C-alpha cells in the first residue's frame, strides 16, 4: 500500500448500532430499494461522517420495464434524532448548491451518539 492510499477502516460496533437506529427513521416506499451507508472518519477533527441513502428501484413490467427510478422515501426526523445522545443539529438542503454538488438535496444531522461526534 502506498502512502497516497487511504487504508480501509471497518466500522466500530457503536457505529453499526447508530446506523441501525437511524435507518429505522427512513421508511422507503418500495421494499426492493436497499438503504445504503457510507462512512468516513476524519481523524484530524475526531469526527465521523455517515451518509445513509435509498437506492434506485427498477420498474418491472409495463411501458417503463427495466427503467431505474429514484425510490420514494419518507424520513421520520424525530426517530432519526432519537439515535443521538441529545438533540442534534438538523439542516435541510433543498437543491444543488453548485453544478458539482454531488449530494444535492439532503437532510443533515450533526450531533453526538454513544460518545462520538457524528
Protein backbone atom coordinates (compact mmCIF):
# COMPACT_ATOMS: atom_id res chain seq x y z
CA UNK A 1 0.00 0.00 0.00
CA UNK A 2 1.46 3.36 -0.98
CA UNK A 3 1.29 6.38 1.30
CA UNK A 4 -1.24 8.05 -1.02
CA UNK A 5 -3.79 5.29 -0.45
CA UNK A 6 -6.26 5.53 2.41
CA UNK A 7 -6.39 2.36 4.49
CA UNK A 8 -9.82 0.74 4.65
CA UNK A 9 -11.49 1.26 8.01
CA UNK A 10 -14.00 -1.17 9.46
CA UNK A 11 -16.90 0.50 11.25
CA UNK A 12 -16.75 0.18 15.03
CA UNK A 13 -19.66 -1.61 16.72
CA UNK A 14 -21.13 1.61 18.15
CA UNK A 15 -21.37 3.00 14.58
CA UNK A 16 -23.25 -0.09 13.40
CA UNK A 17 -25.75 0.35 16.25
CA UNK A 18 -26.15 4.06 15.42
CA UNK A 19 -26.75 3.37 11.72
CA UNK A 20 -29.32 0.66 12.51
CA UNK A 21 -31.14 3.05 14.86
CA UNK A 22 -31.06 5.90 12.33
CA UNK A 23 -32.26 3.68 9.46
CA UNK A 24 -35.42 2.96 11.43
CA UNK A 25 -36.32 6.60 10.76
CA UNK A 26 -36.15 6.12 6.99
CA UNK A 27 -39.23 4.49 5.57
CA UNK A 28 -38.82 3.83 1.87
CA UNK A 29 -41.95 3.15 -0.15
CA UNK A 30 -40.60 0.17 -2.06
CA UNK A 31 -39.27 -2.80 -0.18
CA UNK A 32 -36.92 -3.62 -3.06
CA UNK A 33 -34.84 -0.44 -2.71
CA UNK A 34 -31.99 -1.05 -0.27
CA UNK A 35 -30.78 1.54 2.23
CA UNK A 36 -27.07 2.13 1.73
CA UNK A 37 -24.48 3.56 4.09
CA UNK A 38 -21.15 5.27 3.52
CA UNK A 39 -18.97 6.37 6.42
CA UNK A 40 -15.74 8.32 6.82
CA UNK A 41 -13.64 9.05 9.89
CA UNK A 42 -11.92 12.44 9.99
CA UNK A 43 -9.11 11.70 12.46
CA UNK A 44 -7.91 15.31 12.49
CA UNK A 45 -11.27 16.51 13.86
CA UNK A 46 -12.22 13.23 15.62
CA UNK A 47 -15.47 13.26 13.63
CA UNK A 48 -17.43 10.54 11.83
CA UNK A 49 -19.35 11.36 8.66
CA UNK A 50 -22.16 8.92 7.93
CA UNK A 51 -24.30 9.03 4.80
CA UNK A 52 -27.50 6.98 4.52
CA UNK A 53 -29.33 6.78 1.22
CA UNK A 54 -32.05 4.81 -0.51
CA UNK A 55 -31.01 3.05 -3.71
CA UNK A 56 -32.80 3.23 -7.01
CA UNK A 57 -35.61 0.83 -7.93
CA UNK A 58 -36.16 -0.99 -11.19
CA UNK A 59 -39.60 -0.80 -12.77
CA UNK A 60 -40.95 -4.26 -13.50
CA UNK A 61 -43.48 -4.61 -16.30
CA UNK A 62 -45.37 -2.05 -18.31
CA UNK A 63 -44.09 0.62 -20.66
CA UNK A 64 -41.15 1.50 -18.39
CA UNK A 65 -40.00 -2.06 -17.71
CA UNK A 66 -36.31 -2.16 -16.79
CA UNK A 67 -36.00 1.57 -16.15
CA UNK A 68 -34.39 2.54 -12.85
CA UNK A 69 -36.02 5.33 -10.90
CA UNK A 70 -35.32 7.03 -7.59
CA UNK A 71 -37.13 5.24 -4.79
CA UNK A 72 -39.55 7.34 -2.84
CA UNK A 73 -38.84 7.73 0.83
CA UNK A 74 -40.18 9.28 3.96
CA UNK A 75 -37.96 10.39 6.85
CA UNK A 76 -39.25 10.40 10.41
CA UNK A 77 -36.96 13.19 11.63
CA UNK A 78 -37.77 12.67 15.31
CA UNK A 79 -36.93 8.98 15.05
CA UNK A 80 -33.56 9.72 13.41
CA UNK A 81 -32.91 12.36 16.09
CA UNK A 82 -33.56 9.71 18.76
CA UNK A 83 -30.46 7.84 17.54
CA UNK A 84 -28.35 10.67 19.02
CA UNK A 85 -27.41 11.17 22.69
CA UNK A 86 -29.08 14.60 22.70
CA UNK A 87 -30.95 16.71 20.15
CA UNK A 88 -28.70 17.04 17.07
CA UNK A 89 -28.49 19.98 14.72
CA UNK A 90 -30.72 19.37 11.69
CA UNK A 91 -30.18 21.03 8.31
CA UNK A 92 -32.13 20.72 5.05
CA UNK A 93 -30.52 21.47 1.68
CA UNK A 94 -33.35 21.67 -0.86
CA UNK A 95 -31.31 21.96 -4.06
CA UNK A 96 -27.84 21.51 -5.51
CA UNK A 97 -25.62 24.34 -4.26
CA UNK A 98 -23.32 24.21 -7.29
CA UNK A 99 -23.35 22.25 -10.55
CA UNK A 100 -20.70 19.97 -9.00
CA UNK A 101 -22.61 19.36 -5.75
CA UNK A 102 -22.71 15.55 -5.55
CA UNK A 103 -25.08 15.42 -2.57
CA UNK A 104 -27.82 17.63 -3.96
CA UNK A 105 -30.96 17.78 -1.85
CA UNK A 106 -30.38 16.17 1.53
CA UNK A 107 -31.18 16.21 5.22
CA UNK A 108 -28.20 16.54 7.55
CA UNK A 109 -27.92 15.72 11.26
CA UNK A 110 -24.95 16.75 13.41
CA UNK A 111 -24.54 15.61 16.98
CA UNK A 112 -23.13 13.07 19.37
CA UNK A 113 -24.02 9.41 19.61
CA UNK A 114 -22.62 6.88 22.05
CA UNK A 115 -19.99 9.48 22.99
CA UNK A 116 -18.78 10.11 19.41
CA UNK A 117 -19.24 13.17 17.18
CA UNK A 118 -21.19 12.38 14.02
